[in-house]
Full PDB file with SEQRES, HELIX, SHEET, SSBOND, CRYST1, ORIGX, SCALE, CONECT and MASTER records, all heavy atoms in Angstrom:
SEQRES   1 A   41  GLU ILE LEU LEU GLU GLN GLY ILE VAL GLU THR LYS ALA          
SEQRES   2 A   41  GLU ALA ALA ARG LEU ALA ARG LEU GLY GLU GLY SER VAL          
SEQRES   3 A   41  ALA ARG ALA ARG GLY LEU ALA ASP PRO THR LEU THR GLU          
SEQRES   4 A   41  PHE ARG                                                      
HELIX    1 AA1 ILE A    2  GLU A    5  1                                   4    
HELIX    2 AA2 LYS A   12  LEU A   21  1                                  10    
HELIX    3 AA3 VAL A   26  ALA A   33  1                                   8    
HELIX    4 AA4 PRO A   35  PHE A   40  1                                   6    
CRYST1    1.000    1.000    1.000  90.00  90.00  90.00 P 1           1          
ORIGX1      1.000000  0.000000  0.000000        0.00000                         
ORIGX2      0.000000  1.000000  0.000000        0.00000                         
ORIGX3      0.000000  0.000000  1.000000        0.00000                         
SCALE1      1.000000  0.000000  0.000000        0.00000                         
SCALE2      0.000000  1.000000  0.000000        0.00000                         
SCALE3      0.000000  0.000000  1.000000        0.00000                         
ATOM      1  N   GLU A   1       9.694  -0.433  -0.975  1.00  0.00           N  
ATOM      2  CA  GLU A   1      10.617  -0.880   0.073  1.00  0.00           C  
ATOM      3  C   GLU A   1      10.121  -0.421   1.423  1.00  0.00           C  
ATOM      4  O   GLU A   1      10.101  -1.269   2.372  1.00  0.00           O  
ATOM      5  CB  GLU A   1      11.963  -0.458  -0.224  1.00  0.00           C  
ATOM      6  CG  GLU A   1      13.046  -1.024   0.777  1.00  0.00           C  
ATOM      7  CD  GLU A   1      14.445  -0.588   0.414  1.00  0.00           C  
ATOM      8  OE1 GLU A   1      14.672  -0.032  -0.573  1.00  0.00           O  
ATOM      9  OE2 GLU A   1      15.350  -0.705   1.354  1.00  0.00           O  
ATOM     10  N   ILE A   2       9.612   0.771   1.535  1.00  0.00           N  
ATOM     11  CA  ILE A   2       9.187   1.320   2.773  1.00  0.00           C  
ATOM     12  C   ILE A   2       7.964   0.503   3.199  1.00  0.00           C  
ATOM     13  O   ILE A   2       7.685   0.260   4.384  1.00  0.00           O  
ATOM     14  CB  ILE A   2       8.966   2.834   2.674  1.00  0.00           C  
ATOM     15  CG1 ILE A   2      10.277   3.530   2.485  1.00  0.00           C  
ATOM     16  CG2 ILE A   2       8.253   3.379   3.854  1.00  0.00           C  
ATOM     17  CD1 ILE A   2      10.096   5.064   2.235  1.00  0.00           C  
ATOM     18  N   LEU A   3       7.033   0.289   2.231  1.00  0.00           N  
ATOM     19  CA  LEU A   3       5.799  -0.346   2.523  1.00  0.00           C  
ATOM     20  C   LEU A   3       6.113  -1.789   3.133  1.00  0.00           C  
ATOM     21  O   LEU A   3       5.387  -2.208   4.103  1.00  0.00           O  
ATOM     22  CB  LEU A   3       4.996  -0.475   1.323  1.00  0.00           C  
ATOM     23  CG  LEU A   3       4.376   0.832   0.783  1.00  0.00           C  
ATOM     24  CD1 LEU A   3       3.666   0.567  -0.467  1.00  0.00           C  
ATOM     25  CD2 LEU A   3       3.548   1.604   1.697  1.00  0.00           C  
ATOM     26  N   LEU A   4       7.101  -2.464   2.606  1.00  0.00           N  
ATOM     27  CA  LEU A   4       7.460  -3.770   3.172  1.00  0.00           C  
ATOM     28  C   LEU A   4       8.094  -3.570   4.496  1.00  0.00           C  
ATOM     29  O   LEU A   4       7.764  -4.421   5.372  1.00  0.00           O  
ATOM     30  CB  LEU A   4       8.402  -4.384   2.106  1.00  0.00           C  
ATOM     31  CG  LEU A   4       7.744  -4.987   0.832  1.00  0.00           C  
ATOM     32  CD1 LEU A   4       8.757  -5.457  -0.120  1.00  0.00           C  
ATOM     33  CD2 LEU A   4       6.870  -6.199   1.187  1.00  0.00           C  
ATOM     34  N   GLU A   5       9.057  -2.664   4.642  1.00  0.00           N  
ATOM     35  CA  GLU A   5       9.695  -2.511   5.940  1.00  0.00           C  
ATOM     36  C   GLU A   5       8.781  -2.158   7.086  1.00  0.00           C  
ATOM     37  O   GLU A   5       8.911  -2.639   8.177  1.00  0.00           O  
ATOM     38  CB  GLU A   5      10.805  -1.411   5.785  1.00  0.00           C  
ATOM     39  CG  GLU A   5      11.967  -1.699   4.913  1.00  0.00           C  
ATOM     40  CD  GLU A   5      12.914  -0.607   4.754  1.00  0.00           C  
ATOM     41  OE1 GLU A   5      12.637   0.488   5.389  1.00  0.00           O  
ATOM     42  OE2 GLU A   5      14.036  -0.757   4.286  1.00  0.00           O  
ATOM     43  N   GLN A   6       7.732  -1.377   6.812  1.00  0.00           N  
ATOM     44  CA  GLN A   6       6.801  -1.026   7.827  1.00  0.00           C  
ATOM     45  C   GLN A   6       5.706  -1.925   8.024  1.00  0.00           C  
ATOM     46  O   GLN A   6       4.865  -1.728   8.934  1.00  0.00           O  
ATOM     47  CB  GLN A   6       6.184   0.423   7.429  1.00  0.00           C  
ATOM     48  CG  GLN A   6       7.161   1.475   7.430  1.00  0.00           C  
ATOM     49  CD  GLN A   6       6.565   2.888   7.280  1.00  0.00           C  
ATOM     50  OE1 GLN A   6       5.311   3.030   7.151  1.00  0.00           O  
ATOM     51  NE2 GLN A   6       7.394   3.945   7.366  1.00  0.00           N  
ATOM     52  N   GLY A   7       5.697  -3.117   7.256  1.00  0.00           N  
ATOM     53  CA  GLY A   7       4.760  -4.109   7.434  1.00  0.00           C  
ATOM     54  C   GLY A   7       3.391  -3.773   6.925  1.00  0.00           C  
ATOM     55  O   GLY A   7       2.354  -4.334   7.378  1.00  0.00           O  
ATOM     56  N   ILE A   8       3.205  -2.699   6.107  1.00  0.00           N  
ATOM     57  CA  ILE A   8       1.976  -2.295   5.520  1.00  0.00           C  
ATOM     58  C   ILE A   8       1.431  -3.436   4.627  1.00  0.00           C  
ATOM     59  O   ILE A   8       0.186  -3.555   4.466  1.00  0.00           O  
ATOM     60  CB  ILE A   8       2.111  -0.986   4.714  1.00  0.00           C  
ATOM     61  CG1 ILE A   8       2.427   0.030   5.889  1.00  0.00           C  
ATOM     62  CG2 ILE A   8       0.751  -0.544   4.167  1.00  0.00           C  
ATOM     63  CD1 ILE A   8       2.879   1.466   5.266  1.00  0.00           C  
ATOM     64  N   VAL A   9       2.354  -4.009   3.852  1.00  0.00           N  
ATOM     65  CA  VAL A   9       1.976  -5.114   2.987  1.00  0.00           C  
ATOM     66  C   VAL A   9       2.947  -6.442   3.152  1.00  0.00           C  
ATOM     67  O   VAL A   9       3.998  -6.167   3.963  1.00  0.00           O  
ATOM     68  CB  VAL A   9       2.122  -4.709   1.462  1.00  0.00           C  
ATOM     69  CG1 VAL A   9       1.152  -3.700   1.101  1.00  0.00           C  
ATOM     70  CG2 VAL A   9       3.586  -4.150   1.194  1.00  0.00           C  
ATOM     71  N   GLU A  10       2.537  -7.506   2.713  1.00  0.00           N  
ATOM     72  CA  GLU A  10       3.302  -8.684   3.004  1.00  0.00           C  
ATOM     73  C   GLU A  10       4.192  -9.215   1.739  1.00  0.00           C  
ATOM     74  O   GLU A  10       5.122  -9.987   1.926  1.00  0.00           O  
ATOM     75  CB  GLU A  10       2.390  -9.777   3.540  1.00  0.00           C  
ATOM     76  CG  GLU A  10       1.813  -9.396   4.833  1.00  0.00           C  
ATOM     77  CD  GLU A  10       0.924 -10.593   5.413  1.00  0.00           C  
ATOM     78  OE1 GLU A  10       0.717 -11.569   4.674  1.00  0.00           O  
ATOM     79  OE2 GLU A  10       0.320 -10.420   6.497  1.00  0.00           O  
ATOM     80  N   THR A  11       3.681  -8.754   0.649  1.00  0.00           N  
ATOM     81  CA  THR A  11       4.377  -9.361  -0.586  1.00  0.00           C  
ATOM     82  C   THR A  11       4.946  -8.259  -1.443  1.00  0.00           C  
ATOM     83  O   THR A  11       4.514  -7.075  -1.411  1.00  0.00           O  
ATOM     84  CB  THR A  11       3.369 -10.117  -1.365  1.00  0.00           C  
ATOM     85  OG1 THR A  11       2.323  -9.232  -1.948  1.00  0.00           O  
ATOM     86  CG2 THR A  11       2.676 -11.150  -0.609  1.00  0.00           C  
ATOM     87  N   LYS A  12       6.038  -8.504  -2.155  1.00  0.00           N  
ATOM     88  CA  LYS A  12       6.630  -7.478  -3.051  1.00  0.00           C  
ATOM     89  C   LYS A  12       5.617  -7.127  -4.171  1.00  0.00           C  
ATOM     90  O   LYS A  12       5.548  -5.999  -4.533  1.00  0.00           O  
ATOM     91  CB  LYS A  12       7.846  -8.145  -3.690  1.00  0.00           C  
ATOM     92  CG  LYS A  12       9.005  -8.284  -2.709  1.00  0.00           C  
ATOM     93  CD  LYS A  12      10.223  -8.804  -3.480  1.00  0.00           C  
ATOM     94  CE  LYS A  12      11.387  -8.928  -2.513  1.00  0.00           C  
ATOM     95  NZ  LYS A  12      12.585  -9.398  -3.159  1.00  0.00           N  
ATOM     96  N   ALA A  13       4.779  -8.026  -4.634  1.00  0.00           N  
ATOM     97  CA  ALA A  13       3.796  -7.726  -5.751  1.00  0.00           C  
ATOM     98  C   ALA A  13       2.872  -6.715  -5.177  1.00  0.00           C  
ATOM     99  O   ALA A  13       2.440  -5.675  -5.817  1.00  0.00           O  
ATOM    100  CB  ALA A  13       3.064  -8.959  -6.129  1.00  0.00           C  
ATOM    101  N   GLU A  14       2.286  -6.811  -3.974  1.00  0.00           N  
ATOM    102  CA  GLU A  14       1.429  -5.823  -3.412  1.00  0.00           C  
ATOM    103  C   GLU A  14       2.100  -4.485  -3.185  1.00  0.00           C  
ATOM    104  O   GLU A  14       1.466  -3.352  -3.370  1.00  0.00           O  
ATOM    105  CB  GLU A  14       0.772  -6.408  -2.136  1.00  0.00           C  
ATOM    106  CG  GLU A  14      -0.295  -5.613  -1.439  1.00  0.00           C  
ATOM    107  CD  GLU A  14      -1.520  -5.381  -2.231  1.00  0.00           C  
ATOM    108  OE1 GLU A  14      -1.636  -6.034  -3.276  1.00  0.00           O  
ATOM    109  OE2 GLU A  14      -2.362  -4.590  -1.825  1.00  0.00           O  
ATOM    110  N   ALA A  15       3.266  -4.637  -2.657  1.00  0.00           N  
ATOM    111  CA  ALA A  15       4.077  -3.350  -2.423  1.00  0.00           C  
ATOM    112  C   ALA A  15       4.301  -2.579  -3.694  1.00  0.00           C  
ATOM    113  O   ALA A  15       4.105  -1.402  -3.768  1.00  0.00           O  
ATOM    114  CB  ALA A  15       5.442  -3.739  -1.833  1.00  0.00           C  
ATOM    115  N   ALA A  16       4.595  -3.247  -4.794  1.00  0.00           N  
ATOM    116  CA  ALA A  16       4.799  -2.690  -6.143  1.00  0.00           C  
ATOM    117  C   ALA A  16       3.429  -2.085  -6.665  1.00  0.00           C  
ATOM    118  O   ALA A  16       3.515  -0.892  -7.182  1.00  0.00           O  
ATOM    119  CB  ALA A  16       5.309  -3.644  -7.084  1.00  0.00           C  
ATOM    120  N   ARG A  17       2.243  -2.696  -6.352  1.00  0.00           N  
ATOM    121  CA  ARG A  17       1.062  -2.270  -6.894  1.00  0.00           C  
ATOM    122  C   ARG A  17       0.659  -0.914  -6.113  1.00  0.00           C  
ATOM    123  O   ARG A  17       0.292  -0.061  -6.706  1.00  0.00           O  
ATOM    124  CB  ARG A  17      -0.083  -3.329  -6.532  1.00  0.00           C  
ATOM    125  CG  ARG A  17      -1.384  -2.920  -7.206  1.00  0.00           C  
ATOM    126  CD  ARG A  17      -2.526  -3.938  -6.755  1.00  0.00           C  
ATOM    127  NE  ARG A  17      -2.834  -3.907  -5.340  1.00  0.00           N  
ATOM    128  CZ  ARG A  17      -3.665  -2.991  -4.838  1.00  0.00           C  
ATOM    129  NH1 ARG A  17      -4.309  -2.189  -5.607  1.00  0.00           N  
ATOM    130  NH2 ARG A  17      -3.952  -3.094  -3.543  1.00  0.00           N  
ATOM    131  N   LEU A  18       0.853  -0.907  -4.767  1.00  0.00           N  
ATOM    132  CA  LEU A  18       0.503   0.335  -3.963  1.00  0.00           C  
ATOM    133  C   LEU A  18       1.548   1.391  -4.282  1.00  0.00           C  
ATOM    134  O   LEU A  18       1.083   2.581  -4.270  1.00  0.00           O  
ATOM    135  CB  LEU A  18       0.453  -0.147  -2.460  1.00  0.00           C  
ATOM    136  CG  LEU A  18      -0.639  -0.885  -2.074  1.00  0.00           C  
ATOM    137  CD1 LEU A  18      -0.499  -1.265  -0.538  1.00  0.00           C  
ATOM    138  CD2 LEU A  18      -1.979  -0.337  -2.247  1.00  0.00           C  
ATOM    139  N   ALA A  19       2.712   1.035  -4.629  1.00  0.00           N  
ATOM    140  CA  ALA A  19       3.690   2.131  -4.912  1.00  0.00           C  
ATOM    141  C   ALA A  19       3.308   2.790  -6.182  1.00  0.00           C  
ATOM    142  O   ALA A  19       3.511   4.015  -6.366  1.00  0.00           O  
ATOM    143  CB  ALA A  19       5.146   1.501  -5.050  1.00  0.00           C  
ATOM    144  N   ARG A  20       2.748   2.018  -7.088  1.00  0.00           N  
ATOM    145  CA  ARG A  20       2.364   2.665  -8.416  1.00  0.00           C  
ATOM    146  C   ARG A  20       1.093   3.606  -8.162  1.00  0.00           C  
ATOM    147  O   ARG A  20       0.988   4.710  -8.806  1.00  0.00           O  
ATOM    148  CB  ARG A  20       1.889   1.571  -9.448  1.00  0.00           C  
ATOM    149  CG  ARG A  20       3.036   0.875 -10.034  1.00  0.00           C  
ATOM    150  CD  ARG A  20       2.643   0.086 -11.180  1.00  0.00           C  
ATOM    151  NE  ARG A  20       1.621  -0.854 -10.943  1.00  0.00           N  
ATOM    152  CZ  ARG A  20       1.856  -2.101 -10.595  1.00  0.00           C  
ATOM    153  NH1 ARG A  20       3.039  -2.622 -10.461  1.00  0.00           N  
ATOM    154  NH2 ARG A  20       0.857  -3.002 -10.309  1.00  0.00           N  
ATOM    155  N   LEU A  21       0.282   3.137  -7.237  1.00  0.00           N  
ATOM    156  CA  LEU A  21      -0.973   3.999  -6.932  1.00  0.00           C  
ATOM    157  C   LEU A  21      -0.684   5.107  -5.941  1.00  0.00           C  
ATOM    158  O   LEU A  21      -1.563   5.956  -5.886  1.00  0.00           O  
ATOM    159  CB  LEU A  21      -2.155   3.118  -6.335  1.00  0.00           C  
ATOM    160  CG  LEU A  21      -2.564   2.005  -7.334  1.00  0.00           C  
ATOM    161  CD1 LEU A  21      -3.491   0.988  -6.574  1.00  0.00           C  
ATOM    162  CD2 LEU A  21      -3.201   2.561  -8.561  1.00  0.00           C  
ATOM    163  N   GLY A  22       0.306   5.030  -5.167  1.00  0.00           N  
ATOM    164  CA  GLY A  22       0.673   5.949  -4.099  1.00  0.00           C  
ATOM    165  C   GLY A  22       1.076   7.250  -4.381  1.00  0.00           C  
ATOM    166  O   GLY A  22       1.132   8.173  -3.585  1.00  0.00           O  
ATOM    167  N   GLU A  23       1.517   7.506  -5.682  1.00  0.00           N  
ATOM    168  CA  GLU A  23       2.036   8.705  -6.184  1.00  0.00           C  
ATOM    169  C   GLU A  23       3.163   9.257  -5.299  1.00  0.00           C  
ATOM    170  O   GLU A  23       3.206  10.555  -5.101  1.00  0.00           O  
ATOM    171  CB  GLU A  23       0.824   9.751  -6.281  1.00  0.00           C  
ATOM    172  CG  GLU A  23      -0.282   9.321  -7.187  1.00  0.00           C  
ATOM    173  CD  GLU A  23      -1.358  10.328  -7.346  1.00  0.00           C  
ATOM    174  OE1 GLU A  23      -1.444  11.309  -6.432  1.00  0.00           O  
ATOM    175  OE2 GLU A  23      -2.277  10.207  -8.188  1.00  0.00           O  
ATOM    176  N   GLY A  24       4.053   8.463  -4.844  1.00  0.00           N  
ATOM    177  CA  GLY A  24       5.150   8.906  -4.037  1.00  0.00           C  
ATOM    178  C   GLY A  24       4.949   9.202  -2.683  1.00  0.00           C  
ATOM    179  O   GLY A  24       5.733   9.732  -1.961  1.00  0.00           O  
ATOM    180  N   SER A  25       3.734   8.880  -2.162  1.00  0.00           N  
ATOM    181  CA  SER A  25       3.413   9.225  -0.709  1.00  0.00           C  
ATOM    182  C   SER A  25       3.084   7.957   0.046  1.00  0.00           C  
ATOM    183  O   SER A  25       2.284   7.103  -0.234  1.00  0.00           O  
ATOM    184  CB  SER A  25       2.106  10.047  -0.795  1.00  0.00           C  
ATOM    185  OG  SER A  25       1.568  10.221   0.532  1.00  0.00           O  
ATOM    186  N   VAL A  26       3.845   7.790   1.164  1.00  0.00           N  
ATOM    187  CA  VAL A  26       3.623   6.645   2.100  1.00  0.00           C  
ATOM    188  C   VAL A  26       2.170   6.735   2.640  1.00  0.00           C  
ATOM    189  O   VAL A  26       1.540   5.716   2.749  1.00  0.00           O  
ATOM    190  CB  VAL A  26       4.566   6.617   3.200  1.00  0.00           C  
ATOM    191  CG1 VAL A  26       4.408   5.531   4.178  1.00  0.00           C  
ATOM    192  CG2 VAL A  26       6.028   6.462   2.640  1.00  0.00           C  
ATOM    193  N   ALA A  27       1.764   7.908   3.041  1.00  0.00           N  
ATOM    194  CA  ALA A  27       0.410   8.100   3.536  1.00  0.00           C  
ATOM    195  C   ALA A  27      -0.676   7.594   2.669  1.00  0.00           C  
ATOM    196  O   ALA A  27      -1.609   6.944   2.982  1.00  0.00           O  
ATOM    197  CB  ALA A  27       0.198   9.564   4.044  1.00  0.00           C  
ATOM    198  N   ARG A  28      -0.551   8.080   1.375  1.00  0.00           N  
ATOM    199  CA  ARG A  28      -1.488   7.691   0.387  1.00  0.00           C  
ATOM    200  C   ARG A  28      -1.564   6.182   0.097  1.00  0.00           C  
ATOM    201  O   ARG A  28      -2.652   5.544   0.027  1.00  0.00           O  
ATOM    202  CB  ARG A  28      -1.365   8.386  -0.982  1.00  0.00           C  
ATOM    203  CG  ARG A  28      -2.267   8.009  -2.078  1.00  0.00           C  
ATOM    204  CD  ARG A  28      -1.950   8.867  -3.334  1.00  0.00           C  
ATOM    205  NE  ARG A  28      -2.766   8.389  -4.440  1.00  0.00           N  
ATOM    206  CZ  ARG A  28      -4.030   8.667  -4.677  1.00  0.00           C  
ATOM    207  NH1 ARG A  28      -4.657   9.436  -3.733  1.00  0.00           N  
ATOM    208  NH2 ARG A  28      -4.669   8.262  -5.639  1.00  0.00           N  
ATOM    209  N   ALA A  29      -0.323   5.565   0.037  1.00  0.00           N  
ATOM    210  CA  ALA A  29      -0.268   4.129  -0.081  1.00  0.00           C  
ATOM    211  C   ALA A  29      -0.835   3.333   1.062  1.00  0.00           C  
ATOM    212  O   ALA A  29      -1.450   2.353   0.913  1.00  0.00           O  
ATOM    213  CB  ALA A  29       1.198   3.706  -0.407  1.00  0.00           C  
ATOM    214  N   ARG A  30      -0.559   3.882   2.180  1.00  0.00           N  
ATOM    215  CA  ARG A  30      -1.102   3.199   3.485  1.00  0.00           C  
ATOM    216  C   ARG A  30      -2.579   3.225   3.514  1.00  0.00           C  
ATOM    217  O   ARG A  30      -3.225   2.308   3.836  1.00  0.00           O  
ATOM    218  CB  ARG A  30      -0.506   3.984   4.610  1.00  0.00           C  
ATOM    219  CG  ARG A  30      -0.882   3.168   5.918  1.00  0.00           C  
ATOM    220  CD  ARG A  30      -0.460   4.041   7.214  1.00  0.00           C  
ATOM    221  NE  ARG A  30       0.935   4.013   7.338  1.00  0.00           N  
ATOM    222  CZ  ARG A  30       1.693   5.105   7.284  1.00  0.00           C  
ATOM    223  NH1 ARG A  30       1.122   6.263   7.138  1.00  0.00           N  
ATOM    224  NH2 ARG A  30       3.056   4.971   7.460  1.00  0.00           N  
ATOM    225  N   GLY A  31      -3.203   4.352   3.008  1.00  0.00           N  
ATOM    226  CA  GLY A  31      -4.573   4.493   2.971  1.00  0.00           C  
ATOM    227  C   GLY A  31      -5.256   3.516   2.050  1.00  0.00           C  
ATOM    228  O   GLY A  31      -6.201   2.919   2.245  1.00  0.00           O  
ATOM    229  N   LEU A  32      -4.545   3.368   0.806  1.00  0.00           N  
ATOM    230  CA  LEU A  32      -5.005   2.403  -0.085  1.00  0.00           C  
ATOM    231  C   LEU A  32      -4.958   1.014   0.302  1.00  0.00           C  
ATOM    232  O   LEU A  32      -5.498   0.084  -0.220  1.00  0.00           O  
ATOM    233  CB  LEU A  32      -4.297   2.554  -1.464  1.00  0.00           C  
ATOM    234  CG  LEU A  32      -4.438   3.939  -2.137  1.00  0.00           C  
ATOM    235  CD1 LEU A  32      -3.457   4.121  -3.281  1.00  0.00           C  
ATOM    236  CD2 LEU A  32      -5.828   4.066  -2.636  1.00  0.00           C  
ATOM    237  N   ALA A  33      -3.957   0.739   1.274  1.00  0.00           N  
ATOM    238  CA  ALA A  33      -3.817  -0.571   1.817  1.00  0.00           C  
ATOM    239  C   ALA A  33      -4.863  -0.968   2.764  1.00  0.00           C  
ATOM    240  O   ALA A  33      -4.885  -2.146   3.273  1.00  0.00           O  
ATOM    241  CB  ALA A  33      -2.383  -0.872   2.294  1.00  0.00           C  
ATOM    242  N   ASP A  34      -5.622  -0.065   3.292  1.00  0.00           N  
ATOM    243  CA  ASP A  34      -6.648  -0.283   4.325  1.00  0.00           C  
ATOM    244  C   ASP A  34      -7.624  -1.352   3.823  1.00  0.00           C  
ATOM    245  O   ASP A  34      -8.316  -1.147   2.803  1.00  0.00           O  
ATOM    246  CB  ASP A  34      -7.387   1.082   4.611  1.00  0.00           C  
ATOM    247  CG  ASP A  34      -8.361   0.908   5.760  1.00  0.00           C  
ATOM    248  OD1 ASP A  34      -8.596  -0.284   6.140  1.00  0.00           O  
ATOM    249  OD2 ASP A  34      -8.668   1.976   6.327  1.00  0.00           O  
ATOM    250  N   PRO A  35      -7.816  -2.406   4.504  1.00  0.00           N  
ATOM    251  CA  PRO A  35      -8.665  -3.502   4.194  1.00  0.00           C  
ATOM    252  C   PRO A  35     -10.121  -3.010   4.069  1.00  0.00           C  
ATOM    253  O   PRO A  35     -10.880  -3.391   3.179  1.00  0.00           O  
ATOM    254  CB  PRO A  35      -8.649  -4.559   5.215  1.00  0.00           C  
ATOM    255  CG  PRO A  35      -7.223  -4.361   5.794  1.00  0.00           C  
ATOM    256  CD  PRO A  35      -7.014  -2.853   5.781  1.00  0.00           C  
ATOM    257  N   THR A  36     -10.445  -2.101   4.911  1.00  0.00           N  
ATOM    258  CA  THR A  36     -11.910  -1.588   4.851  1.00  0.00           C  
ATOM    259  C   THR A  36     -12.179  -0.888   3.543  1.00  0.00           C  
ATOM    260  O   THR A  36     -13.187  -0.899   2.902  1.00  0.00           O  
ATOM    261  CB  THR A  36     -12.098  -0.650   6.042  1.00  0.00           C  
ATOM    262  OG1 THR A  36     -11.824  -1.350   7.256  1.00  0.00           O  
ATOM    263  CG2 THR A  36     -13.613  -0.076   6.062  1.00  0.00           C  
ATOM    264  N   LEU A  37     -11.098   0.025   3.095  1.00  0.00           N  
ATOM    265  CA  LEU A  37     -11.280   0.764   1.905  1.00  0.00           C  
ATOM    266  C   LEU A  37     -11.228  -0.224   0.679  1.00  0.00           C  
ATOM    267  O   LEU A  37     -12.096   0.013  -0.216  1.00  0.00           O  
ATOM    268  CB  LEU A  37      -9.958   1.776   1.722  1.00  0.00           C  
ATOM    269  CG  LEU A  37     -10.074   2.577   0.491  1.00  0.00           C  
ATOM    270  CD1 LEU A  37     -11.251   3.471   0.468  1.00  0.00           C  
ATOM    271  CD2 LEU A  37      -8.724   3.448   0.459  1.00  0.00           C  
ATOM    272  N   THR A  38     -10.514  -1.302   0.698  1.00  0.00           N  
ATOM    273  CA  THR A  38     -10.460  -2.168  -0.334  1.00  0.00           C  
ATOM    274  C   THR A  38     -11.812  -2.882  -0.544  1.00  0.00           C  
ATOM    275  O   THR A  38     -12.381  -3.034  -1.559  1.00  0.00           O  
ATOM    276  CB  THR A  38      -9.363  -3.271  -0.159  1.00  0.00           C  
ATOM    277  OG1 THR A  38      -8.056  -2.576  -0.015  1.00  0.00           O  
ATOM    278  CG2 THR A  38      -9.286  -4.160  -1.346  1.00  0.00           C  
ATOM    279  N   GLU A  39     -12.387  -3.264   0.621  1.00  0.00           N  
ATOM    280  CA  GLU A  39     -13.659  -3.957   0.677  1.00  0.00           C  
ATOM    281  C   GLU A  39     -14.697  -3.041   0.091  1.00  0.00           C  
ATOM    282  O   GLU A  39     -15.683  -3.388  -0.603  1.00  0.00           O  
ATOM    283  CB  GLU A  39     -13.958  -4.360   2.019  1.00  0.00           C  
ATOM    284  CG  GLU A  39     -15.154  -5.329   2.046  1.00  0.00           C  
ATOM    285  CD  GLU A  39     -14.902  -6.690   1.295  1.00  0.00           C  
ATOM    286  OE1 GLU A  39     -13.695  -7.127   1.280  1.00  0.00           O  
ATOM    287  OE2 GLU A  39     -15.901  -7.338   0.883  1.00  0.00           O  
ATOM    288  N   PHE A  40     -14.632  -1.777   0.544  1.00  0.00           N  
ATOM    289  CA  PHE A  40     -15.633  -0.792   0.047  1.00  0.00           C  
ATOM    290  C   PHE A  40     -15.590  -0.573  -1.358  1.00  0.00           C  
ATOM    291  O   PHE A  40     -16.632  -0.444  -2.134  1.00  0.00           O  
ATOM    292  CB  PHE A  40     -15.362   0.615   0.794  1.00  0.00           C  
ATOM    293  CG  PHE A  40     -16.202   1.744   0.221  1.00  0.00           C  
ATOM    294  CD1 PHE A  40     -17.592   1.785   0.518  1.00  0.00           C  
ATOM    295  CD2 PHE A  40     -15.677   2.629  -0.623  1.00  0.00           C  
ATOM    296  CE1 PHE A  40     -18.315   2.877   0.088  1.00  0.00           C  
ATOM    297  CE2 PHE A  40     -16.455   3.756  -1.171  1.00  0.00           C  
ATOM    298  CZ  PHE A  40     -17.785   3.822  -0.804  1.00  0.00           C  
ATOM    299  N   ARG A  41     -14.374  -0.496  -2.027  1.00  0.00           N  
ATOM    300  CA  ARG A  41     -14.124  -0.365  -3.538  1.00  0.00           C  
ATOM    301  C   ARG A  41     -14.732  -1.604  -4.117  1.00  0.00           C  
ATOM    302  O   ARG A  41     -15.363  -1.434  -5.282  1.00  0.00           O  
ATOM    303  CB  ARG A  41     -12.771  -0.122  -3.793  1.00  0.00           C  
ATOM    304  CG  ARG A  41     -12.193   1.227  -3.326  1.00  0.00           C  
ATOM    305  CD  ARG A  41     -10.751   1.342  -3.886  1.00  0.00           C  
ATOM    306  NE  ARG A  41     -10.363   2.735  -3.766  1.00  0.00           N  
ATOM    307  CZ  ARG A  41      -9.349   3.234  -4.352  1.00  0.00           C  
ATOM    308  NH1 ARG A  41      -8.515   2.473  -5.034  1.00  0.00           N  
ATOM    309  NH2 ARG A  41      -8.967   4.494  -4.243  1.00  0.00           N  
TER     310      ARG A  41                                                      
MASTER        0    0    0    4    0    0    0    6  309    1    0    4          
END                                                                             
């Protein structure tokens, strides 16, 4: 919900995916949402 409210992601599906990977941390989830990091991976 926080990821959606802050505009870090646009869809509920992406928010749920990052929430699973974020281990309870907004900062970690925000870093995983970085397009540059995604492209690198």
